Amino acid sequence: PGLLANAQFLAVADVTAPLLRVTSGAEAMALILSSERVFAD
């Protein structure tokens, strides 16, 4: 019980963390300018 839900959460972190890592200003701005969270803030 709960194992699949926990695995799903961890898997989301596994695959999204690399996408959020930036190595250039262009990569950082792509995230910033398309983020609704940033827009609202």
PDB file of all heavy atoms in Angstrom:
ATOM      1  N   PRO A   1       0.824  -1.222   0.000  1.00  0.00           N
ATOM      2  CA  PRO A   1       0.000   0.000   0.000  1.00  0.00           C
ATOM      3  C   PRO A   1       0.853   1.265   0.000  1.00  0.00           C
ATOM      4  O   PRO A   1       1.766   1.417   0.804  1.00  0.00           O
ATOM      5  CB  PRO A   1      -0.781  -0.135   1.310  1.00  0.00           C
ATOM      6  CG  PRO A   1      -0.842  -1.599   1.571  1.00  0.00           C
ATOM      7  CD  PRO A   1       0.474  -2.148   1.075  1.00  0.00           C
ATOM      8  N   GLY A   2       0.574   2.135  -0.942  1.00  0.00           N
ATOM      9  CA  GLY A   2       1.296   3.397  -1.016  1.00  0.00           C
ATOM     10  C   GLY A   2       2.608   3.338  -1.765  1.00  0.00           C
ATOM     11  O   GLY A   2       3.198   4.374  -2.062  1.00  0.00           O
ATOM     12  N   LEU A   3       3.089   2.130  -2.073  1.00  0.00           N
ATOM     13  CA  LEU A   3       4.396   2.022  -2.726  1.00  0.00           C
ATOM     14  C   LEU A   3       4.378   2.662  -4.109  1.00  0.00           C
ATOM     15  O   LEU A   3       5.295   3.389  -4.478  1.00  0.00           O
ATOM     16  CB  LEU A   3       4.802   0.548  -2.822  1.00  0.00           C
ATOM     17  CG  LEU A   3       6.246   0.229  -3.269  1.00  0.00           C
ATOM     18  CD1 LEU A   3       6.668  -1.115  -2.692  1.00  0.00           C
ATOM     19  CD2 LEU A   3       6.387   0.200  -4.782  1.00  0.00           C
ATOM     20  N   LEU A   4       3.338   2.388  -4.903  1.00  0.00           N
ATOM     21  CA  LEU A   4       3.284   2.940  -6.252  1.00  0.00           C
ATOM     22  C   LEU A   4       3.196   4.456  -6.217  1.00  0.00           C
ATOM     23  O   LEU A   4       3.857   5.145  -6.998  1.00  0.00           O
ATOM     24  CB  LEU A   4       2.092   2.359  -7.015  1.00  0.00           C
ATOM     25  CG  LEU A   4       1.931   2.870  -8.454  1.00  0.00           C
ATOM     26  CD1 LEU A   4       3.178   2.573  -9.281  1.00  0.00           C
ATOM     27  CD2 LEU A   4       0.692   2.250  -9.110  1.00  0.00           C
ATOM     28  N   ALA A   5       2.371   5.001  -5.299  1.00  0.00           N
ATOM     29  CA  ALA A   5       2.242   6.455  -5.201  1.00  0.00           C
ATOM     30  C   ALA A   5       3.591   7.088  -4.866  1.00  0.00           C
ATOM     31  O   ALA A   5       3.963   8.121  -5.443  1.00  0.00           O
ATOM     32  CB  ALA A   5       1.206   6.820  -4.145  1.00  0.00           C
ATOM     33  N   ASN A   6       4.317   6.483  -3.942  1.00  0.00           N
ATOM     34  CA  ASN A   6       5.625   7.018  -3.576  1.00  0.00           C
ATOM     35  C   ASN A   6       6.602   6.904  -4.740  1.00  0.00           C
ATOM     36  O   ASN A   6       7.386   7.819  -5.010  1.00  0.00           O
ATOM     37  CB  ASN A   6       6.173   6.269  -2.360  1.00  0.00           C
ATOM     38  CG  ASN A   6       7.423   6.908  -1.803  1.00  0.00           C
ATOM     39  OD1 ASN A   6       7.416   8.063  -1.402  1.00  0.00           O
ATOM     40  ND2 ASN A   6       8.525   6.169  -1.792  1.00  0.00           N
ATOM     41  N   ALA A   7       6.549   5.775  -5.438  1.00  0.00           N
ATOM     42  CA  ALA A   7       7.437   5.583  -6.589  1.00  0.00           C
ATOM     43  C   ALA A   7       7.138   6.602  -7.681  1.00  0.00           C
ATOM     44  O   ALA A   7       8.046   7.103  -8.350  1.00  0.00           O
ATOM     45  CB  ALA A   7       7.285   4.165  -7.134  1.00  0.00           C
ATOM     46  N   GLN A   8       5.858   6.921  -7.877  1.00  0.00           N
ATOM     47  CA  GLN A   8       5.488   7.910  -8.884  1.00  0.00           C
ATOM     48  C   GLN A   8       6.060   9.282  -8.535  1.00  0.00           C
ATOM     49  O   GLN A   8       6.578   9.991  -9.401  1.00  0.00           O
ATOM     50  CB  GLN A   8       3.961   7.990  -9.000  1.00  0.00           C
ATOM     51  CG  GLN A   8       3.331   6.769  -9.644  1.00  0.00           C
ATOM     52  CD  GLN A   8       1.820   6.799  -9.584  1.00  0.00           C
ATOM     53  OE1 GLN A   8       1.232   7.312  -8.633  1.00  0.00           O
ATOM     54  NE2 GLN A   8       1.167   6.238 -10.589  1.00  0.00           N
ATOM     55  N   PHE A   9       5.966   9.636  -7.263  1.00  0.00           N
ATOM     56  CA  PHE A   9       6.492  10.925  -6.826  1.00  0.00           C
ATOM     57  C   PHE A   9       8.001  10.996  -7.040  1.00  0.00           C
ATOM     58  O   PHE A   9       8.531  11.980  -7.552  1.00  0.00           O
ATOM     59  CB  PHE A   9       6.160  11.145  -5.349  1.00  0.00           C
ATOM     60  CG  PHE A   9       6.711  12.416  -4.777  1.00  0.00           C
ATOM     61  CD1 PHE A   9       6.065  13.627  -4.974  1.00  0.00           C
ATOM     62  CD2 PHE A   9       7.896  12.414  -4.046  1.00  0.00           C
ATOM     63  CE1 PHE A   9       6.586  14.803  -4.464  1.00  0.00           C
ATOM     64  CE2 PHE A   9       8.419  13.588  -3.529  1.00  0.00           C
ATOM     65  CZ  PHE A   9       7.758  14.789  -3.740  1.00  0.00           C
ATOM     66  N   LEU A  10       8.704   9.935  -6.648  1.00  0.00           N
ATOM     67  CA  LEU A  10      10.156   9.917  -6.795  1.00  0.00           C
ATOM     68  C   LEU A  10      10.560   9.919  -8.268  1.00  0.00           C
ATOM     69  O   LEU A  10      11.551  10.542  -8.653  1.00  0.00           O
ATOM     70  CB  LEU A  10      10.740   8.693  -6.090  1.00  0.00           C
ATOM     71  CG  LEU A  10      10.618   8.686  -4.563  1.00  0.00           C
ATOM     72  CD1 LEU A  10      11.058   7.344  -4.002  1.00  0.00           C
ATOM     73  CD2 LEU A  10      11.443   9.815  -3.950  1.00  0.00           C
ATOM     74  N   ALA A  11       9.773   9.224  -9.091  1.00  0.00           N
ATOM     75  CA  ALA A  11      10.097   9.167 -10.517  1.00  0.00           C
ATOM     76  C   ALA A  11       9.951  10.532 -11.171  1.00  0.00           C
ATOM     77  O   ALA A  11      10.738  10.905 -12.049  1.00  0.00           O
ATOM     78  CB  ALA A  11       9.192   8.155 -11.225  1.00  0.00           C
ATOM     79  N   VAL A  12       8.928  11.300 -10.756  1.00  0.00           N
ATOM     80  CA  VAL A  12       8.769  12.662 -11.266  1.00  0.00           C
ATOM     81  C   VAL A  12      10.011  13.488 -10.944  1.00  0.00           C
ATOM     82  O   VAL A  12      10.536  14.230 -11.798  1.00  0.00           O
ATOM     83  CB  VAL A  12       7.505  13.319 -10.683  1.00  0.00           C
ATOM     84  CG1 VAL A  12       7.492  14.818 -10.974  1.00  0.00           C
ATOM     85  CG2 VAL A  12       6.259  12.673 -11.260  1.00  0.00           C
ATOM     86  N   ALA A  13      10.498  13.366  -9.709  1.00  0.00           N
ATOM     87  CA  ALA A  13      11.710  14.101  -9.322  1.00  0.00           C
ATOM     88  C   ALA A  13      12.913  13.631 -10.133  1.00  0.00           C
ATOM     89  O   ALA A  13      13.758  14.443 -10.546  1.00  0.00           O
ATOM     90  CB  ALA A  13      11.970  13.921  -7.830  1.00  0.00           C
ATOM     91  N   ASP A  14      13.001  12.338 -10.377  1.00  0.00           N
ATOM     92  CA  ASP A  14      14.132  11.789 -11.126  1.00  0.00           C
ATOM     93  C   ASP A  14      14.238  12.390 -12.524  1.00  0.00           C
ATOM     94  O   ASP A  14      15.342  12.688 -13.006  1.00  0.00           O
ATOM     95  CB  ASP A  14      13.996  10.265 -11.252  1.00  0.00           C
ATOM     96  CG  ASP A  14      14.237   9.541  -9.934  1.00  0.00           C
ATOM     97  OD1 ASP A  14      14.875  10.127  -9.033  1.00  0.00           O
ATOM     98  OD2 ASP A  14      13.786   8.386  -9.816  1.00  0.00           O
ATOM     99  N   VAL A  15      13.096  12.543 -13.184  1.00  0.00           N
ATOM    100  CA  VAL A  15      13.143  12.975 -14.584  1.00  0.00           C
ATOM    101  C   VAL A  15      13.044  14.487 -14.764  1.00  0.00           C
ATOM    102  O   VAL A  15      13.453  15.012 -15.802  1.00  0.00           O
ATOM    103  CB  VAL A  15      12.038  12.282 -15.426  1.00  0.00           C
ATOM    104  CG1 VAL A  15      12.207  10.778 -15.399  1.00  0.00           C
ATOM    105  CG2 VAL A  15      10.654  12.669 -14.940  1.00  0.00           C
ATOM    106  N   THR A  16      12.480  15.185 -13.767  1.00  0.00           N
ATOM    107  CA  THR A  16      12.336  16.630 -13.944  1.00  0.00           C
ATOM    108  C   THR A  16      13.534  17.419 -13.437  1.00  0.00           C
ATOM    109  O   THR A  16      13.843  18.487 -13.984  1.00  0.00           O
ATOM    110  CB  THR A  16      11.076  17.153 -13.241  1.00  0.00           C
ATOM    111  OG1 THR A  16      11.113  16.798 -11.856  1.00  0.00           O
ATOM    112  CG2 THR A  16       9.828  16.587 -13.883  1.00  0.00           C
ATOM    113  N   ALA A  17      14.216  16.931 -12.404  1.00  0.00           N
ATOM    114  CA  ALA A  17      15.358  17.674 -11.872  1.00  0.00           C
ATOM    115  C   ALA A  17      16.407  17.972 -12.951  1.00  0.00           C
ATOM    116  O   ALA A  17      16.894  19.105 -13.040  1.00  0.00           O
ATOM    117  CB  ALA A  17      15.984  16.933 -10.700  1.00  0.00           C
ATOM    118  N   PRO A  18      16.766  16.988 -13.796  1.00  0.00           N
ATOM    119  CA  PRO A  18      17.737  17.307 -14.858  1.00  0.00           C
ATOM    120  C   PRO A  18      17.242  18.378 -15.822  1.00  0.00           C
ATOM    121  O   PRO A  18      18.035  19.157 -16.360  1.00  0.00           O
ATOM    122  CB  PRO A  18      17.930  15.962 -15.571  1.00  0.00           C
ATOM    123  CG  PRO A  18      17.588  14.941 -14.546  1.00  0.00           C
ATOM    124  CD  PRO A  18      16.461  15.554 -13.760  1.00  0.00           C
ATOM    125  N   LEU A  19      15.919  18.432 -16.056  1.00  0.00           N
ATOM    126  CA  LEU A  19      15.374  19.431 -16.981  1.00  0.00           C
ATOM    127  C   LEU A  19      15.446  20.833 -16.396  1.00  0.00           C
ATOM    128  O   LEU A  19      15.450  21.820 -17.132  1.00  0.00           O
ATOM    129  CB  LEU A  19      13.921  19.093 -17.319  1.00  0.00           C
ATOM    130  CG  LEU A  19      13.686  17.791 -18.078  1.00  0.00           C
ATOM    131  CD1 LEU A  19      12.190  17.556 -18.260  1.00  0.00           C
ATOM    132  CD2 LEU A  19      14.385  17.803 -19.425  1.00  0.00           C
ATOM    133  N   LEU A  20      15.479  20.919 -15.062  1.00  0.00           N
ATOM    134  CA  LEU A  20      15.518  22.229 -14.404  1.00  0.00           C
ATOM    135  C   LEU A  20      16.948  22.723 -14.201  1.00  0.00           C
ATOM    136  O   LEU A  20      17.153  23.869 -13.811  1.00  0.00           O
ATOM    137  CB  LEU A  20      14.807  22.153 -13.046  1.00  0.00           C
ATOM    138  CG  LEU A  20      13.320  21.797 -13.107  1.00  0.00           C
ATOM    139  CD1 LEU A  20      12.752  21.669 -11.703  1.00  0.00           C
ATOM    140  CD2 LEU A  20      12.537  22.843 -13.897  1.00  0.00           C
ATOM    141  N   ARG A  21      17.921  21.864 -14.425  1.00  0.00           N
ATOM    142  CA  ARG A  21      19.325  22.285 -14.317  1.00  0.00           C
ATOM    143  C   ARG A  21      19.699  23.094 -15.557  1.00  0.00           C
ATOM    144  O   ARG A  21      19.462  22.668 -16.676  1.00  0.00           O
ATOM    145  CB  ARG A  21      20.240  21.059 -14.210  1.00  0.00           C
ATOM    146  CG  ARG A  21      21.702  21.421 -14.017  1.00  0.00           C
ATOM    147  CD  ARG A  21      22.576  20.193 -14.017  1.00  0.00           C
ATOM    148  NE  ARG A  21      22.621  19.555 -15.321  1.00  0.00           N
ATOM    149  CZ  ARG A  21      23.414  18.512 -15.604  1.00  0.00           C
ATOM    150  NH1 ARG A  21      24.185  18.002 -14.674  1.00  0.00           N
ATOM    151  NH2 ARG A  21      23.393  17.988 -16.808  1.00  0.00           N
ATOM    152  N   VAL A  22      20.261  24.271 -15.341  1.00  0.00           N
ATOM    153  CA  VAL A  22      20.621  25.133 -16.467  1.00  0.00           C
ATOM    154  C   VAL A  22      22.122  25.336 -16.516  1.00  0.00           C
ATOM    155  O   VAL A  22      22.804  25.357 -15.494  1.00  0.00           O
ATOM    156  CB  VAL A  22      19.907  26.499 -16.379  1.00  0.00           C
ATOM    157  CG1 VAL A  22      18.397  26.310 -16.371  1.00  0.00           C
ATOM    158  CG2 VAL A  22      20.336  27.280 -15.135  1.00  0.00           C
ATOM    159  N   THR A  23      22.626  25.479 -17.734  1.00  0.00           N
ATOM    160  CA  THR A  23      24.055  25.718 -17.924  1.00  0.00           C
ATOM    161  C   THR A  23      24.310  27.004 -18.711  1.00  0.00           C
ATOM    162  O   THR A  23      25.453  27.331 -18.992  1.00  0.00           O
ATOM    163  CB  THR A  23      24.709  24.537 -18.662  1.00  0.00           C
ATOM    164  OG1 THR A  23      24.049  24.329 -19.918  1.00  0.00           O
ATOM    165  CG2 THR A  23      24.602  23.254 -17.833  1.00  0.00           C
ATOM    166  N   SER A  24      23.245  27.711 -19.074  1.00  0.00           N
ATOM    167  CA  SER A  24      23.403  28.955 -19.829  1.00  0.00           C
ATOM    168  C   SER A  24      22.271  29.908 -19.483  1.00  0.00           C
ATOM    169  O   SER A  24      21.218  29.496 -18.972  1.00  0.00           O
ATOM    170  CB  SER A  24      23.389  28.681 -21.339  1.00  0.00           C
ATOM    171  OG  SER A  24      22.094  28.286 -21.770  1.00  0.00           O
ATOM    172  N   GLY A  25      22.491  31.172 -19.780  1.00  0.00           N
ATOM    173  CA  GLY A  25      21.454  32.162 -19.560  1.00  0.00           C
ATOM    174  C   GLY A  25      20.217  31.878 -20.392  1.00  0.00           C
ATOM    175  O   GLY A  25      19.087  32.083 -19.939  1.00  0.00           O
ATOM    176  N   ALA A  26      20.416  31.370 -21.609  1.00  0.00           N
ATOM    177  CA  ALA A  26      19.280  31.066 -22.481  1.00  0.00           C
ATOM    178  C   ALA A  26      18.411  29.976 -21.876  1.00  0.00           C
ATOM    179  O   ALA A  26      17.178  30.037 -21.934  1.00  0.00           O
ATOM    180  CB  ALA A  26      19.771  30.652 -23.870  1.00  0.00           C
ATOM    181  N   GLU A  27      19.041  28.957 -21.283  1.00  0.00           N
ATOM    182  CA  GLU A  27      18.275  27.876 -20.663  1.00  0.00           C
ATOM    183  C   GLU A  27      17.505  28.387 -19.447  1.00  0.00           C
ATOM    184  O   GLU A  27      16.351  28.007 -19.224  1.00  0.00           O
ATOM    185  CB  GLU A  27      19.212  26.737 -20.260  1.00  0.00           C
ATOM    186  CG  GLU A  27      19.783  25.965 -21.435  1.00  0.00           C
ATOM    187  CD  GLU A  27      20.729  24.867 -21.013  1.00  0.00           C
ATOM    188  OE1 GLU A  27      21.132  24.815 -19.822  1.00  0.00           O
ATOM    189  OE2 GLU A  27      21.083  24.028 -21.870  1.00  0.00           O
ATOM    190  N   ALA A  28      18.138  29.237 -18.662  1.00  0.00           N
ATOM    191  CA  ALA A  28      17.465  29.797 -17.484  1.00  0.00           C
ATOM    192  C   ALA A  28      16.288  30.669 -17.890  1.00  0.00           C
ATOM    193  O   ALA A  28      15.196  30.578 -17.312  1.00  0.00           O
ATOM    194  CB  ALA A  28      18.458  30.603 -16.650  1.00  0.00           C
ATOM    195  N   MET A  29      16.483  31.514 -18.883  1.00  0.00           N
ATOM    196  CA  MET A  29      15.414  32.414 -19.311  1.00  0.00           C
ATOM    197  C   MET A  29      14.260  31.655 -19.950  1.00  0.00           C
ATOM    198  O   MET A  29      13.103  32.077 -19.845  1.00  0.00           O
ATOM    199  CB  MET A  29      15.964  33.461 -20.275  1.00  0.00           C
ATOM    200  CG  MET A  29      16.918  34.463 -19.634  1.00  0.00           C
ATOM    201  SD  MET A  29      16.163  35.367 -18.251  1.00  0.00           S
ATOM    202  CE  MET A  29      15.069  36.483 -19.135  1.00  0.00           C
ATOM    203  N   ALA A  30      14.547  30.530 -20.616  1.00  0.00           N
ATOM    204  CA  ALA A  30      13.465  29.730 -21.191  1.00  0.00           C
ATOM    205  C   ALA A  30      12.517  29.256 -20.099  1.00  0.00           C
ATOM    206  O   ALA A  30      11.287  29.278 -20.269  1.00  0.00           O
ATOM    207  CB  ALA A  30      14.047  28.536 -21.945  1.00  0.00           C
ATOM    208  N   LEU A  31      13.067  28.836 -18.964  1.00  0.00           N
ATOM    209  CA  LEU A  31      12.236  28.404 -17.839  1.00  0.00           C
ATOM    210  C   LEU A  31      11.488  29.586 -17.224  1.00  0.00           C
ATOM    211  O   LEU A  31      10.283  29.511 -16.962  1.00  0.00           O
ATOM    212  CB  LEU A  31      13.109  27.732 -16.777  1.00  0.00           C
ATOM    213  CG  LEU A  31      13.756  26.402 -17.145  1.00  0.00           C
ATOM    214  CD1 LEU A  31      14.682  25.948 -16.022  1.00  0.00           C
ATOM    215  CD2 LEU A  31      12.701  25.335 -17.419  1.00  0.00           C
ATOM    216  N   ILE A  32      12.208  30.670 -16.996  1.00  0.00           N
ATOM    217  CA  ILE A  32      11.626  31.842 -16.331  1.00  0.00           C
ATOM    218  C   ILE A  32      10.484  32.439 -17.146  1.00  0.00           C
ATOM    219  O   ILE A  32       9.409  32.749 -16.619  1.00  0.00           O
ATOM    220  CB  ILE A  32      12.716  32.900 -16.072  1.00  0.00           C
ATOM    221  CG1 ILE A  32      13.687  32.398 -14.985  1.00  0.00           C
ATOM    222  CG2 ILE A  32      12.111  34.241 -15.668  1.00  0.00           C
ATOM    223  CD1 ILE A  32      14.940  33.235 -14.842  1.00  0.00           C
ATOM    224  N   LEU A  33      10.687  32.576 -18.442  1.00  0.00           N
ATOM    225  CA  LEU A  33       9.709  33.274 -19.283  1.00  0.00           C
ATOM    226  C   LEU A  33       8.489  32.418 -19.628  1.00  0.00           C
ATOM    227  O   LEU A  33       7.493  32.943 -20.125  1.00  0.00           O
ATOM    228  CB  LEU A  33      10.380  33.767 -20.564  1.00  0.00           C
ATOM    229  CG  LEU A  33      11.458  34.834 -20.383  1.00  0.00           C
ATOM    230  CD1 LEU A  33      12.080  35.203 -21.718  1.00  0.00           C
ATOM    231  CD2 LEU A  33      10.890  36.073 -19.698  1.00  0.00           C
ATOM    232  N   SER A  34       8.559  31.111 -19.367  1.00  0.00           N
ATOM    233  CA  SER A  34       7.411  30.243 -19.659  1.00  0.00           C
ATOM    234  C   SER A  34       6.740  29.735 -18.393  1.00  0.00           C
ATOM    235  O   SER A  34       5.830  28.907 -18.453  1.00  0.00           O
ATOM    236  CB  SER A  34       7.859  29.047 -20.515  1.00  0.00           C
ATOM    237  OG  SER A  34       8.851  28.271 -19.827  1.00  0.00           O
ATOM    238  N   SER A  35       7.167  30.230 -17.241  1.00  0.00           N
ATOM    239  CA  SER A  35       6.644  29.758 -15.959  1.00  0.00           C
ATOM    240  C   SER A  35       5.475  30.615 -15.476  1.00  0.00           C
ATOM    241  O   SER A  35       5.625  31.817 -15.261  1.00  0.00           O
ATOM    242  CB  SER A  35       7.753  29.775 -14.906  1.00  0.00           C
ATOM    243  OG  SER A  35       7.233  29.565 -13.608  1.00  0.00           O
ATOM    244  N   GLU A  36       4.321  29.980 -15.263  1.00  0.00           N
ATOM    245  CA  GLU A  36       3.184  30.699 -14.699  1.00  0.00           C
ATOM    246  C   GLU A  36       3.457  31.084 -13.249  1.00  0.00           C
ATOM    247  O   GLU A  36       2.983  32.111 -12.762  1.00  0.00           O
ATOM    248  CB  GLU A  36       1.915  29.853 -14.781  1.00  0.00           C
ATOM    249  CG  GLU A  36       0.668  30.588 -14.325  1.00  0.00           C
ATOM    250  CD  GLU A  36      -0.594  29.767 -14.458  1.00  0.00           C
ATOM    251  OE1 GLU A  36      -0.491  28.577 -14.841  1.00  0.00           O
ATOM    252  OE2 GLU A  36      -1.682  30.305 -14.190  1.00  0.00           O
ATOM    253  N   ARG A  37       4.234  30.259 -12.534  1.00  0.00           N
ATOM    254  CA  ARG A  37       4.598  30.573 -11.156  1.00  0.00           C
ATOM    255  C   ARG A  37       5.374  31.887 -11.098  1.00  0.00           C
ATOM    256  O   ARG A  37       5.097  32.759 -10.265  1.00  0.00           O
ATOM    257  CB  ARG A  37       5.455  29.437 -10.569  1.00  0.00           C
ATOM    258  CG  ARG A  37       4.706  28.147 -10.323  1.00  0.00           C
ATOM    259  CD  ARG A  37       5.658  26.950 -10.276  1.00  0.00           C
ATOM    260  NE  ARG A  37       6.681  27.073  -9.242  1.00  0.00           N
ATOM    261  CZ  ARG A  37       6.542  26.635  -7.987  1.00  0.00           C
ATOM    262  NH1 ARG A  37       5.410  26.053  -7.606  1.00  0.00           N
ATOM    263  NH2 ARG A  37       7.526  26.755  -7.107  1.00  0.00           N
ATOM    264  N   VAL A  38       6.353  32.026 -11.985  1.00  0.00           N
ATOM    265  CA  VAL A  38       7.147  33.251 -12.035  1.00  0.00           C
ATOM    266  C   VAL A  38       6.270  34.430 -12.430  1.00  0.00           C
ATOM    267  O   VAL A  38       6.357  35.518 -11.839  1.00  0.00           O
ATOM    268  CB  VAL A  38       8.331  33.093 -13.006  1.00  0.00           C
ATOM    269  CG1 VAL A  38       8.997  34.444 -13.277  1.00  0.00           C
ATOM    270  CG2 VAL A  38       9.352  32.109 -12.449  1.00  0.00           C
ATOM    271  N   PHE A  39       5.423  34.238 -13.435  1.00  0.00           N
ATOM    272  CA  PHE A  39       4.522  35.300 -13.890  1.00  0.00           C
ATOM    273  C   PHE A  39       3.661  35.811 -12.736  1.00  0.00           C
ATOM    274  O   PHE A  39       3.562  37.028 -12.496  1.00  0.00           O
ATOM    275  CB  PHE A  39       3.639  34.762 -15.016  1.00  0.00           C
ATOM    276  CG  PHE A  39       2.554  35.695 -15.465  1.00  0.00           C
ATOM    277  CD1 PHE A  39       2.845  36.896 -16.093  1.00  0.00           C
ATOM    278  CD2 PHE A  39       1.217  35.357 -15.275  1.00  0.00           C
ATOM    279  CE1 PHE A  39       1.837  37.752 -16.514  1.00  0.00           C
ATOM    280  CE2 PHE A  39       0.196  36.205 -15.695  1.00  0.00           C
ATOM    281  CZ  PHE A  39       0.511  37.403 -16.315  1.00  0.00           C
ATOM    282  N   ALA A  40       3.054  34.894 -11.987  1.00  0.00           N
ATOM    283  CA  ALA A  40       2.202  35.290 -10.865  1.00  0.00           C
ATOM    284  C   ALA A  40       3.004  36.007  -9.791  1.00  0.00           C
ATOM    285  O   ALA A  40       2.549  37.013  -9.216  1.00  0.00           O
ATOM    286  CB  ALA A  40       1.510  34.065 -10.283  1.00  0.00           C
ATOM    287  N   ASP A  41       4.206  35.522  -9.520  1.00  0.00           N
ATOM    288  CA  ASP A  41       5.034  36.147  -8.485  1.00  0.00           C
ATOM    289  C   ASP A  41       5.514  37.529  -8.899  1.00  0.00           C
ATOM    290  O   ASP A  41       5.632  38.434  -8.066  1.00  0.00           O
ATOM    291  CB  ASP A  41       6.235  35.254  -8.162  1.00  0.00           C
ATOM    292  CG  ASP A  41       5.831  34.010  -7.371  1.00  0.00           C
ATOM    293  OD1 ASP A  41       4.657  33.926  -6.956  1.00  0.00           O
ATOM    294  OD2 ASP A  41       6.688  33.123  -7.178  1.00  0.00           O
TER     295      ASP A  41
END
